[in-house]
Amino acid sequence: MMSIFSKIVSGEIPAHVVAETTDFLAFLDVSPLVMGHVLVIPKKEIDYIFDMDDEIYTGLTLFAKTVATGVKKAFPCKKVGVAVIGLEVPHAHIHLIPMNNVSDMNFSKEKLKPSQDELAEAAAKIKAVL
């Protein structure tokens, strides 16, 4: 069964894409911890990040670095936090989260519920600086 992220890659489910290459995709989390929270994925469905071959793993990491630079410019913050959890969706992904406090990376706190317009605006801000 296809993961929700594979359905985003195929266009079956819409997403607020901020960056894309042949192999990787970055889009806004629809339930972000803070505005500007981006998910970075390989387009190939691989459940566990450490099951990726070295080429895909390093490519994903370098792509995430580029996207993080854009996130930091679009959403000024002290740092962009990086998290790999992988329990909620069976498709490897990296969370990029603008953070000013360690609590910005607390996955147990209540998530934001931005409107589609707010997400579109956030995606446009990131795309504009990438």
C-alpha atoms as a PDB file:
ATOM      1  CA  MET A   1       0.000   0.000   0.000  1.00  0.00           C
ATOM      2  CA  MET A   2       1.286   3.455  -0.936  1.00  0.00           C
ATOM      3  CA  SER A   3       2.201   5.799   1.905  1.00  0.00           C
ATOM      4  CA  ILE A   4       0.568   9.208   2.127  1.00  0.00           C
ATOM      5  CA  PHE A   5       3.925  10.661   1.041  1.00  0.00           C
ATOM      6  CA  SER A   6       4.003   8.469  -2.081  1.00  0.00           C
ATOM      7  CA  LYS A   7       0.515   9.765  -2.865  1.00  0.00           C
ATOM      8  CA  ILE A   8       1.883  13.312  -2.562  1.00  0.00           C
ATOM      9  CA  VAL A   9       4.771  12.426  -4.896  1.00  0.00           C
ATOM     10  CA  SER A  10       2.326  10.973  -7.461  1.00  0.00           C
ATOM     11  CA  GLY A  11       0.071  14.043  -7.240  1.00  0.00           C
ATOM     12  CA  GLU A  12      -2.832  12.033  -5.846  1.00  0.00           C
ATOM     13  CA  ILE A  13      -2.783  14.203  -2.694  1.00  0.00           C
ATOM     14  CA  PRO A  14      -1.972  17.926  -2.969  1.00  0.00           C
ATOM     15  CA  ALA A  15       0.857  19.438  -0.927  1.00  0.00           C
ATOM     16  CA  HIS A  16       2.509  22.806  -0.449  1.00  0.00           C
ATOM     17  CA  VAL A  17       5.776  21.963  -2.196  1.00  0.00           C
ATOM     18  CA  VAL A  18       8.748  24.205  -1.459  1.00  0.00           C
ATOM     19  CA  ALA A  19      11.461  22.376  -3.439  1.00  0.00           C
ATOM     20  CA  GLU A  20      11.794  19.392  -5.742  1.00  0.00           C
ATOM     21  CA  THR A  21      14.414  17.468  -7.670  1.00  0.00           C
ATOM     22  CA  THR A  22      14.210  14.287  -9.691  1.00  0.00           C
ATOM     23  CA  ASP A  23      14.746  12.204  -6.534  1.00  0.00           C
ATOM     24  CA  PHE A  24      13.570  14.348  -3.607  1.00  0.00           C
ATOM     25  CA  LEU A  25      10.628  16.461  -2.495  1.00  0.00           C
ATOM     26  CA  ALA A  26      10.199  19.062   0.262  1.00  0.00           C
ATOM     27  CA  PHE A  27       6.777  20.235   1.376  1.00  0.00           C
ATOM     28  CA  LEU A  28       5.143  21.887   4.354  1.00  0.00           C
ATOM     29  CA  ASP A  29       3.849  19.782   7.209  1.00  0.00           C
ATOM     30  CA  VAL A  30       0.085  20.403   7.304  1.00  0.00           C
ATOM     31  CA  SER A  31       0.137  20.045  11.113  1.00  0.00           C
ATOM     32  CA  PRO A  32       3.337  21.907  11.920  1.00  0.00           C
ATOM     33  CA  LEU A  33       4.984  22.389  15.274  1.00  0.00           C
ATOM     34  CA  VAL A  34       5.791  25.961  14.141  1.00  0.00           C
ATOM     35  CA  MET A  35       5.165  27.771  10.870  1.00  0.00           C
ATOM     36  CA  GLY A  36       7.799  26.864   8.316  1.00  0.00           C
ATOM     37  CA  HIS A  37       7.968  23.194   9.418  1.00  0.00           C
ATOM     38  CA  VAL A  38       9.000  21.267   6.295  1.00  0.00           C
ATOM     39  CA  LEU A  39       9.181  17.558   5.507  1.00  0.00           C
ATOM     40  CA  VAL A  40      11.923  16.341   3.169  1.00  0.00           C
ATOM     41  CA  ILE A  41      11.509  12.937   1.536  1.00  0.00           C
ATOM     42  CA  PRO A  42      13.020  10.696  -1.097  1.00  0.00           C
ATOM     43  CA  LYS A  43      10.508  10.196  -3.901  1.00  0.00           C
ATOM     44  CA  LYS A  44      11.239   6.480  -3.777  1.00  0.00           C
ATOM     45  CA  GLU A  45       9.227   4.915  -0.959  1.00  0.00           C
ATOM     46  CA  ILE A  46      11.640   3.589   1.640  1.00  0.00           C
ATOM     47  CA  ASP A  47      10.279   3.037   5.147  1.00  0.00           C
ATOM     48  CA  TYR A  48      13.411   3.374   7.273  1.00  0.00           C
ATOM     49  CA  ILE A  49      15.958   6.095   6.652  1.00  0.00           C
ATOM     50  CA  PHE A  50      18.916   3.807   7.370  1.00  0.00           C
ATOM     51  CA  ASP A  51      17.677   1.278   4.798  1.00  0.00           C
ATOM     52  CA  MET A  52      18.465   3.803   2.056  1.00  0.00           C
ATOM     53  CA  ASP A  53      21.512   3.150  -0.048  1.00  0.00           C
ATOM     54  CA  ASP A  54      24.357   5.600   0.513  1.00  0.00           C
ATOM     55  CA  GLU A  55      23.673   7.597  -2.649  1.00  0.00           C
ATOM     56  CA  ILE A  56      20.022   8.278  -1.773  1.00  0.00           C
ATOM     57  CA  TYR A  57      20.858   8.920   1.896  1.00  0.00           C
ATOM     58  CA  THR A  58      23.570  11.474   1.145  1.00  0.00           C
ATOM     59  CA  GLY A  59      21.463  13.039  -1.605  1.00  0.00           C
ATOM     60  CA  LEU A  60      18.531  13.437   0.790  1.00  0.00           C
ATOM     61  CA  THR A  61      20.798  14.961   3.424  1.00  0.00           C
ATOM     62  CA  LEU A  62      22.298  17.469   0.975  1.00  0.00           C
ATOM     63  CA  PHE A  63      18.833  18.345  -0.361  1.00  0.00           C
ATOM     64  CA  ALA A  64      17.617  18.876   3.233  1.00  0.00           C
ATOM     65  CA  LYS A  65      20.587  21.192   3.859  1.00  0.00           C
ATOM     66  CA  THR A  66      19.599  23.341   0.888  1.00  0.00           C
ATOM     67  CA  VAL A  67      15.960  23.461   1.979  1.00  0.00           C
ATOM     68  CA  ALA A  68      16.964  24.285   5.577  1.00  0.00           C
ATOM     69  CA  THR A  69      18.868  27.308   4.301  1.00  0.00           C
ATOM     70  CA  GLY A  70      15.678  28.533   2.659  1.00  0.00           C
ATOM     71  CA  VAL A  71      13.592  27.817   5.749  1.00  0.00           C
ATOM     72  CA  LYS A  72      15.978  29.868   7.918  1.00  0.00           C
ATOM     73  CA  LYS A  73      15.848  32.822   5.505  1.00  0.00           C
ATOM     74  CA  ALA A  74      12.057  32.699   5.159  1.00  0.00           C
ATOM     75  CA  PHE A  75      11.373  32.133   8.865  1.00  0.00           C
ATOM     76  CA  PRO A  76      14.200  33.859  10.757  1.00  0.00           C
ATOM     77  CA  CYS A  77      15.195  31.715  13.709  1.00  0.00           C
ATOM     78  CA  LYS A  78      18.244  30.768  15.756  1.00  0.00           C
ATOM     79  CA  LYS A  79      18.573  27.407  13.986  1.00  0.00           C
ATOM     80  CA  VAL A  80      16.642  24.958  11.880  1.00  0.00           C
ATOM     81  CA  GLY A  81      16.160  21.811  13.904  1.00  0.00           C
ATOM     82  CA  VAL A  82      16.422  18.422  12.251  1.00  0.00           C
ATOM     83  CA  ALA A  83      14.498  15.353  13.371  1.00  0.00           C
ATOM     84  CA  VAL A  84      14.042  11.873  11.976  1.00  0.00           C
ATOM     85  CA  ILE A  85      11.347   9.960  13.784  1.00  0.00           C
ATOM     86  CA  GLY A  86       9.693   7.803  11.174  1.00  0.00           C
ATOM     87  CA  LEU A  87       6.972   6.165  13.237  1.00  0.00           C
ATOM     88  CA  GLU A  88       3.972   8.078  11.968  1.00  0.00           C
ATOM     89  CA  VAL A  89       4.384   7.474   8.198  1.00  0.00           C
ATOM     90  CA  PRO A  90       6.117   4.412   6.700  1.00  0.00           C
ATOM     91  CA  HIS A  91       8.181   6.561   4.305  1.00  0.00           C
ATOM     92  CA  ALA A  92      11.565   7.966   5.321  1.00  0.00           C
ATOM     93  CA  HIS A  93      11.431  11.685   6.001  1.00  0.00           C
ATOM     94  CA  ILE A  94      13.347  14.477   7.674  1.00  0.00           C
ATOM     95  CA  HIS A  95      11.603  17.205   9.663  1.00  0.00           C
ATOM     96  CA  LEU A  96      13.106  20.695   9.276  1.00  0.00           C
ATOM     97  CA  ILE A  97      11.763  22.964  12.005  1.00  0.00           C
ATOM     98  CA  PRO A  98      12.569  26.647  12.547  1.00  0.00           C
ATOM     99  CA  MET A  99      13.481  26.952  16.202  1.00  0.00           C
ATOM    100  CA  ASN A 100      14.265  29.634  18.706  1.00  0.00           C
ATOM    101  CA  ASN A 101      13.710  27.422  21.752  1.00  0.00           C
ATOM    102  CA  VAL A 102      14.154  23.710  22.359  1.00  0.00           C
ATOM    103  CA  SER A 103      10.386  23.498  22.934  1.00  0.00           C
ATOM    104  CA  ASP A 104       9.877  24.273  19.228  1.00  0.00           C
ATOM    105  CA  MET A 105      10.990  20.674  18.586  1.00  0.00           C
ATOM    106  CA  ASN A 106       8.631  19.086  21.119  1.00  0.00           C
ATOM    107  CA  PHE A 107       6.600  16.577  19.097  1.00  0.00           C
ATOM    108  CA  SER A 108       4.265  15.891  22.013  1.00  0.00           C
ATOM    109  CA  LYS A 109       2.917  19.452  22.085  1.00  0.00           C
ATOM    110  CA  GLU A 110      -0.262  20.414  20.263  1.00  0.00           C
ATOM    111  CA  LYS A 111       0.312  21.014  16.567  1.00  0.00           C
ATOM    112  CA  LEU A 112      -0.739  24.174  14.748  1.00  0.00           C
ATOM    113  CA  LYS A 113      -3.760  24.091  12.439  1.00  0.00           C
ATOM    114  CA  PRO A 114      -2.951  26.622   9.718  1.00  0.00           C
ATOM    115  CA  SER A 115      -5.384  27.331   6.910  1.00  0.00           C
ATOM    116  CA  GLN A 116      -4.583  26.399   3.318  1.00  0.00           C
ATOM    117  CA  ASP A 117      -3.975  30.104   2.632  1.00  0.00           C
ATOM    118  CA  GLU A 118      -1.485  30.327   5.508  1.00  0.00           C
ATOM    119  CA  LEU A 119       0.316  27.220   4.231  1.00  0.00           C
ATOM    120  CA  ALA A 120       0.393  28.598   0.683  1.00  0.00           C
ATOM    121  CA  GLU A 121       1.864  31.858   1.989  1.00  0.00           C
ATOM    122  CA  ALA A 122       4.507  29.994   4.020  1.00  0.00           C
ATOM    123  CA  ALA A 123       5.460  27.843   1.020  1.00  0.00           C
ATOM    124  CA  ALA A 124       5.752  30.924  -1.183  1.00  0.00           C
ATOM    125  CA  LYS A 125       8.095  32.572   1.361  1.00  0.00           C
ATOM    126  CA  ILE A 126      10.425  29.570   1.321  1.00  0.00           C
ATOM    127  CA  LYS A 127      10.324  29.156  -2.468  1.00  0.00           C
ATOM    128  CA  ALA A 128      11.149  32.840  -2.916  1.00  0.00           C
ATOM    129  CA  VAL A 129      14.483  32.444  -1.105  1.00  0.00           C
ATOM    130  CA  LEU A 130      15.550  29.081  -2.543  1.00  0.00           C
END
